[in-house]
C-alpha atoms as a PDB file:
ATOM      1  CA  MET A   1     -40.464-148.601  27.942  1.00  0.00           C
ATOM      2  CA  ILE A   2     -41.463-145.126  26.184  1.00  0.00           C
ATOM      3  CA  GLU A   3     -38.394-142.939  24.955  1.00  0.00           C
ATOM      4  CA  PRO A   4     -38.306-139.948  27.179  1.00  0.00           C
ATOM      5  CA  ILE A   5     -38.223-137.833  24.214  1.00  0.00           C
ATOM      6  CA  ASP A   6     -41.468-139.405  23.507  1.00  0.00           C
ATOM      7  CA  ALA A   7     -42.945-138.644  25.791  1.00  0.00           C
ATOM      8  CA  LEU A   8     -42.400-135.238  26.428  1.00  0.00           C
ATOM      9  CA  GLU A   9     -43.424-134.615  23.111  1.00  0.00           C
ATOM     10  CA  ALA A  10     -46.689-136.187  23.562  1.00  0.00           C
ATOM     11  CA  GLU A  11     -47.075-134.708  26.733  1.00  0.00           C
ATOM     12  CA  THR A  12     -45.947-131.102  25.676  1.00  0.00           C
ATOM     13  CA  THR A  13     -48.447-131.180  22.559  1.00  0.00           C
ATOM     14  CA  ARG A  14     -51.108-132.279  25.128  1.00  0.00           C
ATOM     15  CA  LEU A  15     -50.422-129.214  27.271  1.00  0.00           C
ATOM     16  CA  GLY A  16     -49.968-127.177  24.849  1.00  0.00           C
ATOM     17  CA  ASP A  17     -53.316-127.687  23.138  1.00  0.00           C
ATOM     18  CA  PHE A  18     -54.685-127.075  26.184  1.00  0.00           C
ATOM     19  CA  LEU A  19     -53.383-123.949  26.441  1.00  0.00           C
ATOM     20  CA  ALA A  20     -54.339-122.301  23.334  1.00  0.00           C
ATOM     21  CA  ALA A  21     -57.959-123.182  24.484  1.00  0.00           C
ATOM     22  CA  LEU A  22     -57.789-120.945  27.380  1.00  0.00           C
ATOM     23  CA  GLY A  23     -60.707-118.217  27.428  1.00  0.00           C
ATOM     24  CA  PRO A  24     -59.287-114.634  29.063  1.00  0.00           C
ATOM     25  CA  GLY A  25     -60.432-115.529  32.305  1.00  0.00           C
ATOM     26  CA  ASP A  26     -58.850-118.333  32.957  1.00  0.00           C
ATOM     27  CA  TRP A  27     -55.102-117.727  33.223  1.00  0.00           C
ATOM     28  CA  SER A  28     -55.765-116.093  36.678  1.00  0.00           C
ATOM     29  CA  LEU A  29     -57.495-119.099  38.286  1.00  0.00           C
ATOM     30  CA  PRO A  30     -55.878-120.211  41.525  1.00  0.00           C
ATOM     31  CA  THR A  31     -54.097-123.761  41.270  1.00  0.00           C
ATOM     32  CA  ARG A  32     -52.927-126.925  43.615  1.00  0.00           C
ATOM     33  CA  CYS A  33     -49.796-125.096  43.473  1.00  0.00           C
ATOM     34  CA  PRO A  34     -50.585-121.780  45.682  1.00  0.00           C
ATOM     35  CA  PRO A  35     -49.741-119.191  45.427  1.00  0.00           C
ATOM     36  CA  MET A  36     -48.903-119.821  41.554  1.00  0.00           C
ATOM     37  CA  ASN A  37     -52.125-119.123  39.302  1.00  0.00           C
ATOM     38  CA  VAL A  38     -52.685-120.645  36.026  1.00  0.00           C
ATOM     39  CA  ARG A  39     -50.125-118.242  34.158  1.00  0.00           C
ATOM     40  CA  GLU A  40     -47.756-118.625  36.609  1.00  0.00           C
ATOM     41  CA  LEU A  41     -47.764-121.864  36.641  1.00  0.00           C
ATOM     42  CA  ALA A  42     -47.431-122.753  32.725  1.00  0.00           C
ATOM     43  CA  VAL A  43     -44.772-120.078  32.426  1.00  0.00           C
ATOM     44  CA  HIS A  44     -43.101-122.178  35.185  1.00  0.00           C
ATOM     45  CA  ALA A  45     -43.576-125.403  33.052  1.00  0.00           C
ATOM     46  CA  LEU A  46     -42.319-123.375  30.102  1.00  0.00           C
ATOM     47  CA  ARG A  47     -38.903-122.729  31.781  1.00  0.00           C
ATOM     48  CA  GLY A  48     -37.884-126.610  31.005  1.00  0.00           C
ATOM     49  CA  ALA A  49     -37.839-125.581  27.517  1.00  0.00           C
ATOM     50  CA  TYR A  50     -35.812-122.629  27.349  1.00  0.00           C
ATOM     51  CA  ARG A  51     -33.388-125.016  29.766  1.00  0.00           C
ATOM     52  CA  ILE A  52     -32.946-127.861  27.157  1.00  0.00           C
ATOM     53  CA  ILE A  53     -32.502-125.170  24.827  1.00  0.00           C
ATOM     54  CA  ASP A  54     -29.579-123.271  26.634  1.00  0.00           C
ATOM     55  CA  ALA A  55     -27.752-125.996  28.069  1.00  0.00           C
ATOM     56  CA  LEU A  56     -27.691-127.635  24.157  1.00  0.00           C
ATOM     57  CA  SER A  57     -26.576-124.487  22.881  1.00  0.00           C
ATOM     58  CA  ALA A  58     -24.003-123.965  24.843  1.00  0.00           C
ATOM     59  CA  PRO A  59     -20.500-126.323  24.728  1.00  0.00           C
ATOM     60  CA  ALA A  60     -20.351-129.978  26.025  1.00  0.00           C
ATOM     61  CA  LEU A  61     -19.158-130.639  29.274  1.00  0.00           C
ATOM     62  CA  GLU A  62     -16.964-133.118  30.127  1.00  0.00           C
ATOM     63  CA  GLY A  63     -16.725-135.909  33.129  1.00  0.00           C
ATOM     64  CA  GLU A  64     -19.421-137.666  34.705  1.00  0.00           C
ATOM     65  CA  PRO A  65     -22.641-136.612  35.412  1.00  0.00           C
ATOM     66  CA  GLU A  66     -23.296-135.427  39.448  1.00  0.00           C
ATOM     67  CA  LYS A  67     -27.369-136.893  38.825  1.00  0.00           C
ATOM     68  CA  ASP A  68     -29.856-139.085  37.380  1.00  0.00           C
ATOM     69  CA  ALA A  69     -33.194-138.972  36.909  1.00  0.00           C
ATOM     70  CA  ILE A  70     -33.945-139.999  40.431  1.00  0.00           C
ATOM     71  CA  THR A  71     -31.444-138.411  42.167  1.00  0.00           C
ATOM     72  CA  TYR A  72     -32.014-134.859  40.464  1.00  0.00           C
ATOM     73  CA  TRP A  73     -34.929-134.888  42.902  1.00  0.00           C
ATOM     74  CA  ARG A  74     -33.369-134.610  46.406  1.00  0.00           C
ATOM     75  CA  TYR A  75     -33.381-131.263  47.600  1.00  0.00           C
ATOM     76  CA  ASP A  76     -34.794-128.844  50.272  1.00  0.00           C
ATOM     77  CA  ALA A  77     -38.443-128.871  49.210  1.00  0.00           C
ATOM     78  CA  ALA A  78     -39.446-125.784  51.487  1.00  0.00           C
ATOM     79  CA  THR A  79     -36.028-124.086  50.326  1.00  0.00           C
ATOM     80  CA  VAL A  80     -36.717-124.944  46.667  1.00  0.00           C
ATOM     81  CA  GLY A  81     -40.482-124.609  46.452  1.00  0.00           C
ATOM     82  CA  LYS A  82     -40.190-120.791  47.587  1.00  0.00           C
ATOM     83  CA  GLU A  83     -37.510-119.710  44.924  1.00  0.00           C
ATOM     84  CA  VAL A  84     -39.907-121.885  42.184  1.00  0.00           C
ATOM     85  CA  VAL A  85     -42.432-119.756  43.305  1.00  0.00           C
ATOM     86  CA  ALA A  86     -40.586-116.315  42.873  1.00  0.00           C
ATOM     87  CA  ARG A  87     -39.495-117.094  39.408  1.00  0.00           C
ATOM     88  CA  ALA A  88     -42.329-118.130  38.028  1.00  0.00           C
ATOM     89  CA  LYS A  89     -44.160-115.237  39.491  1.00  0.00           C
ATOM     90  CA  ALA A  90     -41.120-112.486  38.126  1.00  0.00           C
ATOM     91  CA  GLU A  91     -41.277-114.194  34.798  1.00  0.00           C
ATOM     92  CA  SER A  92     -44.523-113.659  33.949  1.00  0.00           C
ATOM     93  CA  ASP A  93     -44.850-110.398  35.300  1.00  0.00           C
ATOM     94  CA  ALA A  94     -42.309-110.021  33.096  1.00  0.00           C
ATOM     95  CA  ARG A  95     -44.298-110.769  30.008  1.00  0.00           C
ATOM     96  CA  ALA A  96     -46.994-108.568  28.843  1.00  0.00           C
ATOM     97  CA  ALA A  97     -50.036-108.665  30.281  1.00  0.00           C
ATOM     98  CA  ASP A  98     -52.133-109.841  26.772  1.00  0.00           C
ATOM     99  CA  ALA A  99     -49.222-112.575  25.621  1.00  0.00           C
ATOM    100  CA  ASP A 100     -49.582-115.170  23.851  1.00  0.00           C
ATOM    101  CA  ILE A 101     -48.553-117.716  26.412  1.00  0.00           C
ATOM    102  CA  ALA A 102     -49.761-120.998  24.112  1.00  0.00           C
ATOM    103  CA  SER A 103     -47.861-119.582  21.102  1.00  0.00           C
ATOM    104  CA  GLU A 104     -44.925-119.295  23.070  1.00  0.00           C
ATOM    105  CA  TRP A 105     -45.125-122.919  24.384  1.00  0.00           C
ATOM    106  CA  ARG A 106     -45.566-124.306  21.015  1.00  0.00           C
ATOM    107  CA  GLU A 107     -42.418-122.743  19.382  1.00  0.00           C
ATOM    108  CA  ALA A 108     -40.180-123.194  22.476  1.00  0.00           C
ATOM    109  CA  TRP A 109     -40.805-126.771  23.161  1.00  0.00           C
ATOM    110  CA  THR A 110     -40.835-127.468  19.575  1.00  0.00           C
ATOM    111  CA  LYS A 111     -37.279-125.882  19.446  1.00  0.00           C
ATOM    112  CA  ALA A 112     -36.425-127.893  22.579  1.00  0.00           C
ATOM    113  CA  LEU A 113     -37.715-130.836  21.063  1.00  0.00           C
ATOM    114  CA  ALA A 114     -35.661-130.599  18.012  1.00  0.00           C
ATOM    115  CA  MET A 115     -32.498-129.978  19.686  1.00  0.00           C
ATOM    116  CA  ALA A 116     -32.739-132.621  21.710  1.00  0.00           C
ATOM    117  CA  ARG A 117     -33.400-135.236  19.388  1.00  0.00           C
ATOM    118  CA  ALA A 118     -30.440-134.066  17.627  1.00  0.00           C
ATOM    119  CA  GLY A 119     -28.442-134.544  20.438  1.00  0.00           C
ATOM    120  CA  ALA A 120     -30.503-137.785  21.813  1.00  0.00           C
ATOM    121  CA  ASP A 121     -27.352-140.150  20.480  1.00  0.00           C
ATOM    122  CA  ASP A 122     -24.698-138.374  22.210  1.00  0.00           C
ATOM    123  CA  ASP A 123     -26.711-137.977  25.325  1.00  0.00           C
ATOM    124  CA  VAL A 124     -24.638-135.487  26.245  1.00  0.00           C
ATOM    125  CA  LEU A 125     -23.892-133.890  29.892  1.00  0.00           C
ATOM    126  CA  ILE A 126     -25.478-131.016  30.578  1.00  0.00           C
ATOM    127  CA  PRO A 127     -25.766-128.242  33.669  1.00  0.00           C
ATOM    128  CA  ALA A 128     -28.821-128.465  35.629  1.00  0.00           C
ATOM    129  CA  VAL A 129     -29.444-126.508  38.856  1.00  0.00           C
ATOM    130  CA  PRO A 130     -29.007-129.694  41.451  1.00  0.00           C
ATOM    131  CA  GLY A 131     -25.670-131.313  39.240  1.00  0.00           C
ATOM    132  CA  THR A 132     -24.561-131.978  35.713  1.00  0.00           C
ATOM    133  CA  ILE A 133     -27.115-134.804  34.537  1.00  0.00           C
ATOM    134  CA  ARG A 134     -27.477-136.852  31.213  1.00  0.00           C
ATOM    135  CA  LEU A 135     -29.949-135.190  28.197  1.00  0.00           C
ATOM    136  CA  ARG A 136     -31.650-138.399  28.488  1.00  0.00           C
ATOM    137  CA  GLU A 137     -31.845-138.125  32.516  1.00  0.00           C
ATOM    138  CA  PHE A 138     -32.671-134.642  32.377  1.00  0.00           C
ATOM    139  CA  LEU A 139     -35.896-135.397  29.968  1.00  0.00           C
ATOM    140  CA  LYS A 140     -37.354-137.847  32.143  1.00  0.00           C
ATOM    141  CA  THR A 141     -37.218-134.823  34.878  1.00  0.00           C
ATOM    142  CA  ARG A 142     -39.035-132.863  32.379  1.00  0.00           C
ATOM    143  CA  CYS A 143     -41.621-135.242  31.346  1.00  0.00           C
ATOM    144  CA  ILE A 144     -42.410-135.434  35.234  1.00  0.00           C
ATOM    145  CA  GLU A 145     -42.620-131.619  35.060  1.00  0.00           C
ATOM    146  CA  VAL A 146     -45.077-130.758  32.542  1.00  0.00           C
ATOM    147  CA  THR A 147     -46.997-134.162  33.130  1.00  0.00           C
ATOM    148  CA  ILE A 148     -48.068-133.035  36.775  1.00  0.00           C
ATOM    149  CA  HIS A 149     -48.065-129.835  35.989  1.00  0.00           C
ATOM    150  CA  GLY A 150     -50.703-130.451  33.070  1.00  0.00           C
ATOM    151  CA  MET A 151     -52.685-132.382  35.715  1.00  0.00           C
ATOM    152  CA  ASP A 152     -52.690-129.408  37.622  1.00  0.00           C
ATOM    153  CA  LEU A 153     -53.387-126.819  35.142  1.00  0.00           C
ATOM    154  CA  GLY A 154     -56.321-129.140  33.896  1.00  0.00           C
ATOM    155  CA  HIS A 155     -57.357-129.835  37.884  1.00  0.00           C
ATOM    156  CA  ALA A 156     -57.647-125.562  38.179  1.00  0.00           C
ATOM    157  CA  LEU A 157     -60.507-125.909  35.360  1.00  0.00           C
ATOM    158  CA  GLY A 158     -62.556-128.418  37.395  1.00  0.00           C
ATOM    159  CA  ARG A 159     -61.209-131.082  35.036  1.00  0.00           C
ATOM    160  CA  GLY A 160     -59.634-135.482  35.727  1.00  0.00           C
ATOM    161  CA  PRO A 161     -56.453-135.591  35.113  1.00  0.00           C
ATOM    162  CA  ASP A 162     -56.260-137.072  32.091  1.00  0.00           C
ATOM    163  CA  PRO A 163     -52.411-137.292  31.178  1.00  0.00           C
ATOM    164  CA  THR A 164     -50.857-139.175  28.208  1.00  0.00           C
ATOM    165  CA  PRO A 165     -49.967-142.682  28.463  1.00  0.00           C
ATOM    166  CA  GLY A 166     -46.292-141.932  27.751  1.00  0.00           C
ATOM    167  CA  GLY A 167     -45.821-138.912  30.035  1.00  0.00           C
ATOM    168  CA  LEU A 168     -47.853-141.068  32.862  1.00  0.00           C
ATOM    169  CA  GLU A 169     -45.482-144.013  31.974  1.00  0.00           C
ATOM    170  CA  ALA A 170     -42.302-141.806  32.074  1.00  0.00           C
ATOM    171  CA  THR A 171     -43.359-139.928  35.613  1.00  0.00           C
ATOM    172  CA  CYS A 172     -43.943-142.970  36.757  1.00  0.00           C
ATOM    173  CA  ASP A 173     -41.162-144.740  36.220  1.00  0.00           C
ATOM    174  CA  VAL A 174     -39.302-142.472  38.071  1.00  0.00           C
ATOM    175  CA  LEU A 175     -41.447-142.407  41.661  1.00  0.00           C
ATOM    176  CA  ARG A 176     -40.875-146.523  41.375  1.00  0.00           C
ATOM    177  CA  GLY A 177     -37.200-145.659  41.021  1.00  0.00           C
ATOM    178  CA  ILE A 178     -37.221-143.484  43.735  1.00  0.00           C
ATOM    179  CA  LEU A 179     -39.796-145.333  45.764  1.00  0.00           C
ATOM    180  CA  GLY A 180     -37.689-149.116  45.209  1.00  0.00           C
ATOM    181  CA  VAL A 181     -41.151-150.363  44.662  1.00  0.00           C
ATOM    182  CA  ASP A 182     -43.680-151.174  41.481  1.00  0.00           C
ATOM    183  CA  LEU A 183     -47.412-150.320  43.140  1.00  0.00           C
ATOM    184  CA  ARG A 184     -49.373-151.734  40.348  1.00  0.00           C
ATOM    185  CA  PRO A 185     -49.404-155.329  41.389  1.00  0.00           C
ATOM    186  CA  LEU A 186     -50.646-154.359  44.736  1.00  0.00           C
ATOM    187  CA  GLY A 187     -53.352-152.268  43.604  1.00  0.00           C
ATOM    188  CA  MET A 188     -52.145-148.890  42.642  1.00  0.00           C
ATOM    189  CA  ASP A 189     -52.768-147.453  38.957  1.00  0.00           C
ATOM    190  CA  ASP A 190     -50.618-145.247  37.992  1.00  0.00           C
ATOM    191  CA  VAL A 191     -52.688-141.914  37.732  1.00  0.00           C
ATOM    192  CA  ARG A 192     -52.828-142.931  41.674  1.00  0.00           C
ATOM    193  CA  PHE A 193     -49.448-143.180  42.140  1.00  0.00           C
ATOM    194  CA  ALA A 194     -48.651-140.086  40.227  1.00  0.00           C
ATOM    195  CA  LEU A 195     -50.986-137.993  42.047  1.00  0.00           C
ATOM    196  CA  ALA A 196     -50.245-139.649  46.071  1.00  0.00           C
ATOM    197  CA  GLY A 197     -46.557-139.653  44.748  1.00  0.00           C
ATOM    198  CA  THR A 198     -46.224-135.594  44.403  1.00  0.00           C
ATOM    199  CA  GLY A 199     -48.207-134.850  47.095  1.00  0.00           C
ATOM    200  CA  ARG A 200     -51.671-134.002  45.014  1.00  0.00           C
ATOM    201  CA  ALA A 201     -53.740-136.662  46.352  1.00  0.00           C
ATOM    202  CA  GLU A 202     -54.413-138.057  50.282  1.00  0.00           C
ATOM    203  CA  LEU A 203     -53.222-141.749  50.768  1.00  0.00           C
ATOM    204  CA  SER A 204     -56.443-143.508  51.833  1.00  0.00           C
ATOM    205  CA  ASP A 205     -56.862-145.640  54.734  1.00  0.00           C
ATOM    206  CA  SER A 206     -56.565-148.969  52.211  1.00  0.00           C
ATOM    207  CA  ASP A 207     -53.530-146.913  50.532  1.00  0.00           C
ATOM    208  CA  ARG A 208     -51.684-146.892  54.005  1.00  0.00           C
ATOM    209  CA  GLU A 209     -52.384-150.767  55.026  1.00  0.00           C
ATOM    210  CA  MET A 210     -51.372-151.698  51.287  1.00  0.00           C
ATOM    211  CA  LEU A 211     -47.895-149.508  51.754  1.00  0.00           C
ATOM    212  CA  GLY A 212     -47.328-150.705  55.331  1.00  0.00           C
ATOM    213  CA  PRO A 213     -44.033-148.626  56.178  1.00  0.00           C
ATOM    214  CA  LEU A 214     -43.830-147.249  52.653  1.00  0.00           C
ATOM    215  CA  THR A 215     -46.254-144.756  53.834  1.00  0.00           C
ATOM    216  CA  GLU A 216     -43.696-142.927  55.224  1.00  0.00           C
ATOM    217  CA  SER A 217     -42.052-141.808  51.985  1.00  0.00           C
ATOM    218  CA  PHE A 218     -44.898-140.363  50.827  1.00  0.00           C
ATOM    219  CA  PRO A 219     -45.505-137.883  49.466  1.00  0.00           C
ATOM    220  CA  LEU A 220     -42.120-138.935  47.014  1.00  0.00           C
ATOM    221  CA  LEU A 221     -41.452-135.412  45.610  1.00  0.00           C
ATOM    222  CA  GLN A 222     -43.441-131.888  45.774  1.00  0.00           C
END
């Protein structure tokens, strides 16, 4: 099983290369996370780096975690979704129109991952919006964010899904935990599972037949 920090490093590096290759007109393209465009969605995913930096810069918390990588995602998607979109737009608008988002991405994630590696052995308790959580568990949630939104950003430019193996594994491990079943023996590959599990792909008739009562669990998170 891949370590979350290794998966996150691989996925943020891949997405950093993707952002660095974008042309001026690409940043305003719409995404399948409306109403966010490419720039706003990238800034949203970038926020994860600053959350790690801020959490590890603060005094360590005491006590037991209130959330893990699975229970972290139990929230009111309609309400939280509106807040996420509004914040992403505001943070994008707060940057200069010609801001180098790709360079900021690399700098912020390099710092965040270095800090996370330094604190990995202690697996400190950190604050998160839904409740306190261990660092390693929080890194798993960032794997999901970066991996899924990386595929969203690629989709905006007409590209097929190409997550890193580590990012995909870490993402699907959490999704399997949420569902409570491993669908690979039943014939659903991990890319398909990641897309369907997060509402990016519709379930086919054969999927529904295979899933049976589990069909009602999809999407697992949005």
